[in-house]
C-alpha atoms as a PDB file:
ATOM      1  CA  MET A   1     -10.640   1.249   2.449  1.00  0.00           C
ATOM      2  CA  ILE A   2      -7.900   1.623  -0.173  1.00  0.00           C
ATOM      3  CA  ARG A   3      -4.648  -0.005   0.914  1.00  0.00           C
ATOM      4  CA  VAL A   4      -1.455   1.326  -0.709  1.00  0.00           C
ATOM      5  CA  LEU A   5       2.104   0.055  -0.308  1.00  0.00           C
ATOM      6  CA  PHE A   6       4.990   2.109  -1.713  1.00  0.00           C
ATOM      7  CA  VAL A   7       8.178   0.182  -2.496  1.00  0.00           C
ATOM      8  CA  CYS A   8      11.810   1.111  -3.127  1.00  0.00           C
ATOM      9  CA  HIS A   9      15.147  -0.607  -2.651  1.00  0.00           C
ATOM     10  CA  GLY A  10      15.959   0.201   0.984  1.00  0.00           C
ATOM     11  CA  ASN A  11      12.808   1.879   2.380  1.00  0.00           C
ATOM     12  CA  ILE A  12      14.747   4.856   3.713  1.00  0.00           C
ATOM     13  CA  CYS A  13      14.531   7.419   0.856  1.00  0.00           C
ATOM     14  CA  ARG A  14      11.893   7.238  -1.875  1.00  0.00           C
ATOM     15  CA  SER A  15       9.203   4.907  -0.551  1.00  0.00           C
ATOM     16  CA  PRO A  16       8.933   6.541   2.893  1.00  0.00           C
ATOM     17  CA  MET A  17       8.876   9.935   1.161  1.00  0.00           C
ATOM     18  CA  ALA A  18       5.955   8.709  -0.953  1.00  0.00           C
ATOM     19  CA  GLU A  19       4.266   7.108   2.074  1.00  0.00           C
ATOM     20  CA  PHE A  20       4.307  10.230   4.217  1.00  0.00           C
ATOM     21  CA  LEU A  21       3.537  12.657   1.392  1.00  0.00           C
ATOM     22  CA  PHE A  22       0.560  10.532   0.350  1.00  0.00           C
ATOM     23  CA  LYS A  23      -0.666  10.268   3.950  1.00  0.00           C
ATOM     24  CA  ASP A  24      -0.480  14.056   4.151  1.00  0.00           C
ATOM     25  CA  MET A  25      -2.261  14.440   0.803  1.00  0.00           C
ATOM     26  CA  VAL A  26      -5.205  12.229   1.719  1.00  0.00           C
ATOM     27  CA  LYS A  27      -5.471  13.879   5.135  1.00  0.00           C
ATOM     28  CA  ARG A  28      -5.573  17.379   3.589  1.00  0.00           C
ATOM     29  CA  ASN A  29      -8.358  16.116   1.324  1.00  0.00           C
ATOM     30  CA  GLY A  30     -10.355  14.698   4.239  1.00  0.00           C
ATOM     31  CA  GLN A  31      -9.823  11.135   3.023  1.00  0.00           C
ATOM     32  CA  GLU A  32      -7.519   9.744   5.724  1.00  0.00           C
ATOM     33  CA  ASN A  33     -10.199   7.321   6.964  1.00  0.00           C
ATOM     34  CA  ASN A  34     -10.505   5.840   3.468  1.00  0.00           C
ATOM     35  CA  PHE A  35      -6.827   4.896   3.113  1.00  0.00           C
ATOM     36  CA  TYR A  36      -4.238   2.696   4.731  1.00  0.00           C
ATOM     37  CA  ILE A  37      -0.717   3.590   3.552  1.00  0.00           C
ATOM     38  CA  GLU A  38       2.672   1.993   4.219  1.00  0.00           C
ATOM     39  CA  SER A  39       6.062   1.594   2.567  1.00  0.00           C
ATOM     40  CA  CYS A  40       8.712  -1.106   2.424  1.00  0.00           C
ATOM     41  CA  ALA A  41      11.914  -2.303   0.746  1.00  0.00           C
ATOM     42  CA  THR A  42      12.795  -5.008  -1.731  1.00  0.00           C
ATOM     43  CA  SER A  43      16.168  -5.537  -0.034  1.00  0.00           C
ATOM     44  CA  SER A  44      17.131  -6.313   3.549  1.00  0.00           C
ATOM     45  CA  GLU A  45      20.048  -3.841   3.657  1.00  0.00           C
ATOM     46  CA  GLU A  46      18.374  -1.114   5.688  1.00  0.00           C
ATOM     47  CA  ILE A  47      15.854  -3.095   7.772  1.00  0.00           C
ATOM     48  CA  GLY A  48      15.196  -1.345  11.075  1.00  0.00           C
ATOM     49  CA  ASN A  49      16.924   1.880  10.040  1.00  0.00           C
ATOM     50  CA  PRO A  50      15.189   5.275  10.207  1.00  0.00           C
ATOM     51  CA  VAL A  51      14.333   7.451   7.232  1.00  0.00           C
ATOM     52  CA  HIS A  52      17.362   8.965   5.456  1.00  0.00           C
ATOM     53  CA  SER A  53      18.220  12.488   6.616  1.00  0.00           C
ATOM     54  CA  GLY A  54      17.622  13.914   3.105  1.00  0.00           C
ATOM     55  CA  THR A  55      14.058  12.582   3.029  1.00  0.00           C
ATOM     56  CA  LYS A  56      13.507  13.571   6.636  1.00  0.00           C
ATOM     57  CA  ARG A  57      14.666  17.120   5.895  1.00  0.00           C
ATOM     58  CA  ILE A  58      12.126  17.513   3.068  1.00  0.00           C
ATOM     59  CA  LEU A  59       9.276  16.015   5.090  1.00  0.00           C
ATOM     60  CA  ASN A  60      10.124  18.113   8.158  1.00  0.00           C
ATOM     61  CA  SER A  61      10.159  21.272   6.028  1.00  0.00           C
ATOM     62  CA  LEU A  62       6.550  20.445   5.123  1.00  0.00           C
ATOM     63  CA  GLY A  63       5.575  19.830   8.750  1.00  0.00           C
ATOM     64  CA  ILE A  64       5.435  16.050   8.269  1.00  0.00           C
ATOM     65  CA  ASP A  65       6.894  13.858  11.018  1.00  0.00           C
ATOM     66  CA  CYS A  66       8.402  10.512  10.008  1.00  0.00           C
ATOM     67  CA  SER A  67      10.532   9.959  13.113  1.00  0.00           C
ATOM     68  CA  LEU A  68       8.904   6.651  14.072  1.00  0.00           C
ATOM     69  CA  LYS A  69       9.303   5.056  10.632  1.00  0.00           C
ATOM     70  CA  ARG A  70      11.721   2.132  10.378  1.00  0.00           C
ATOM     71  CA  ALA A  71      12.608   0.293   7.186  1.00  0.00           C
ATOM     72  CA  ARG A  72      10.979  -3.067   6.597  1.00  0.00           C
ATOM     73  CA  ARG A  73      11.201  -5.600   3.802  1.00  0.00           C
ATOM     74  CA  ILE A  74       8.241  -6.636   1.683  1.00  0.00           C
ATOM     75  CA  ARG A  75       6.572  -9.920   2.600  1.00  0.00           C
ATOM     76  CA  TYR A  76       4.645 -12.382   0.451  1.00  0.00           C
ATOM     77  CA  GLU A  77       1.488 -11.633   2.497  1.00  0.00           C
ATOM     78  CA  ASP A  78       1.661  -7.974   1.449  1.00  0.00           C
ATOM     79  CA  TYR A  79       0.294  -8.925  -1.956  1.00  0.00           C
ATOM     80  CA  ASP A  80      -3.035  -9.957  -0.409  1.00  0.00           C
ATOM     81  CA  SER A  81      -3.000  -7.166   2.186  1.00  0.00           C
ATOM     82  CA  PHE A  82      -2.682  -4.235  -0.244  1.00  0.00           C
ATOM     83  CA  ASP A  83      -4.739  -3.076  -3.228  1.00  0.00           C
ATOM     84  CA  TYR A  84      -1.850  -1.190  -4.840  1.00  0.00           C
ATOM     85  CA  ILE A  85       1.861  -1.938  -4.696  1.00  0.00           C
ATOM     86  CA  ILE A  86       3.573   1.130  -6.098  1.00  0.00           C
ATOM     87  CA  LEU A  87       7.203   0.930  -7.203  1.00  0.00           C
ATOM     88  CA  MET A  88       9.720   3.723  -7.612  1.00  0.00           C
ATOM     89  CA  ASP A  89      11.707   2.066 -10.417  1.00  0.00           C
ATOM     90  CA  GLU A  90      12.085  -1.023 -12.594  1.00  0.00           C
ATOM     91  CA  GLU A  91      14.852  -2.387 -10.379  1.00  0.00           C
ATOM     92  CA  ASN A  92      12.237  -2.578  -7.615  1.00  0.00           C
ATOM     93  CA  ARG A  93      10.072  -4.739  -9.900  1.00  0.00           C
ATOM     94  CA  TRP A  94      13.014  -7.084 -10.414  1.00  0.00           C
ATOM     95  CA  GLY A  95      13.702  -7.267  -6.652  1.00  0.00           C
ATOM     96  CA  LEU A  96      10.041  -7.769  -5.876  1.00  0.00           C
ATOM     97  CA  ARG A  97       9.865 -10.907  -8.028  1.00  0.00           C
ATOM     98  CA  TYR A  98      11.894 -12.822  -5.434  1.00  0.00           C
ATOM     99  CA  VAL A  99       9.160 -12.297  -2.850  1.00  0.00           C
ATOM    100  CA  ILE A 100       6.055 -11.858  -5.013  1.00  0.00           C
ATOM    101  CA  PRO A 101       6.732 -13.746  -8.255  1.00  0.00           C
ATOM    102  CA  ASN A 102       3.358 -13.093  -9.907  1.00  0.00           C
ATOM    103  CA  ASP A 103       0.844 -10.264 -10.178  1.00  0.00           C
ATOM    104  CA  PRO A 104      -2.411 -11.942 -11.232  1.00  0.00           C
ATOM    105  CA  LYS A 105      -4.541  -9.064  -9.890  1.00  0.00           C
ATOM    106  CA  ASN A 106      -2.489  -6.328 -11.622  1.00  0.00           C
ATOM    107  CA  LYS A 107      -1.677  -4.549  -8.350  1.00  0.00           C
ATOM    108  CA  ILE A 108       1.964  -3.702  -9.094  1.00  0.00           C
ATOM    109  CA  HIS A 109       2.696  -0.434 -10.919  1.00  0.00           C
ATOM    110  CA  ASN A 110       5.427   2.188 -11.181  1.00  0.00           C
ATOM    111  CA  LEU A 111       4.380   5.470  -9.591  1.00  0.00           C
ATOM    112  CA  LEU A 112       5.125   7.624 -12.629  1.00  0.00           C
ATOM    113  CA  GLU A 113       2.868   5.430 -14.808  1.00  0.00           C
ATOM    114  CA  TYR A 114      -0.047   7.353 -13.296  1.00  0.00           C
ATOM    115  CA  ALA A 115       1.439  10.581 -14.641  1.00  0.00           C
ATOM    116  CA  GLY A 116       1.723   9.033 -18.108  1.00  0.00           C
ATOM    117  CA  LEU A 117       5.505   8.705 -17.862  1.00  0.00           C
ATOM    118  CA  ASN A 118       7.582   5.671 -18.653  1.00  0.00           C
ATOM    119  CA  ARG A 119      10.592   6.389 -16.450  1.00  0.00           C
ATOM    120  CA  ASP A 120      11.944   5.731 -12.983  1.00  0.00           C
ATOM    121  CA  ILE A 121      12.174   7.959  -9.958  1.00  0.00           C
ATOM    122  CA  ARG A 122      15.928   8.213  -9.507  1.00  0.00           C
ATOM    123  CA  ASP A 123      17.323   7.074  -6.189  1.00  0.00           C
ATOM    124  CA  PRO A 124      18.620  10.037  -4.146  1.00  0.00           C
ATOM    125  CA  TRP A 125      20.846   7.643  -2.203  1.00  0.00           C
ATOM    126  CA  TYR A 126      23.008   7.722  -5.340  1.00  0.00           C
ATOM    127  CA  THR A 127      22.133  11.096  -6.889  1.00  0.00           C
ATOM    128  CA  GLY A 128      22.025  13.111  -3.669  1.00  0.00           C
ATOM    129  CA  ASN A 129      19.199  15.122  -5.248  1.00  0.00           C
ATOM    130  CA  PHE A 130      16.297  14.782  -2.809  1.00  0.00           C
ATOM    131  CA  LYS A 131      14.514  17.812  -4.310  1.00  0.00           C
ATOM    132  CA  GLU A 132      14.343  16.109  -7.712  1.00  0.00           C
ATOM    133  CA  THR A 133      13.032  12.957  -6.024  1.00  0.00           C
ATOM    134  CA  TYR A 134      10.426  15.006  -4.174  1.00  0.00           C
ATOM    135  CA  SER A 135       9.264  16.648  -7.435  1.00  0.00           C
ATOM    136  CA  ASP A 136       8.962  13.303  -9.212  1.00  0.00           C
ATOM    137  CA  ILE A 137       7.144  11.693  -6.305  1.00  0.00           C
ATOM    138  CA  MET A 138       4.676  14.578  -6.044  1.00  0.00           C
ATOM    139  CA  LEU A 139       4.030  14.386  -9.783  1.00  0.00           C
ATOM    140  CA  GLY A 140       3.259  10.694  -9.441  1.00  0.00           C
ATOM    141  CA  LEU A 141       1.248  11.026  -6.239  1.00  0.00           C
ATOM    142  CA  ASN A 142      -1.000  13.749  -7.625  1.00  0.00           C
ATOM    143  CA  ALA A 143      -1.760  11.638 -10.692  1.00  0.00           C
ATOM    144  CA  PHE A 144      -2.234   8.491  -8.583  1.00  0.00           C
ATOM    145  CA  TYR A 145      -4.615  10.273  -6.211  1.00  0.00           C
ATOM    146  CA  ASN A 146      -6.639  11.651  -9.126  1.00  0.00           C
ATOM    147  CA  HIS A 147      -6.789   8.137 -10.606  1.00  0.00           C
ATOM    148  CA  LEU A 148      -8.150   6.745  -7.328  1.00  0.00           C
ATOM    149  CA  ILE A 149     -10.694   9.521  -6.856  1.00  0.00           C
ATOM    150  CA  LYS A 150     -12.044   9.032 -10.394  1.00  0.00           C
ATOM    151  CA  LYS A 151     -12.586   5.305  -9.699  1.00  0.00           C
END
């Protein structure tokens, strides 16, 4: 089983969007039994809060329910529990270092790396542009999925 953890600052916008879109992607490809997928935050600001309405609106428009999701913060144990820890931006890498200071197994990557891009997925909490975030996340997820299937 491939265990994937998506990470953003608050776990209410980008990382839950990636979590639920990736769950949907692997399910549509008949691979849901081969994956375990979650998301979390680097900060404690939103712990226990539901998915942001902008993310929820996009997921709902695709027939994806995220109503039970609540934000959680990353834990040290997550490093051993997951094969891939996928970040939305470089600020997440900085925040992650307080909980997981080292990456000896090279598990931590930015999502858009898989699409050959060296840039962040902008935070719609600040931009308000959830459609742009969705496009970037899908670009990264498609490339990430293809990377995993080729392995």
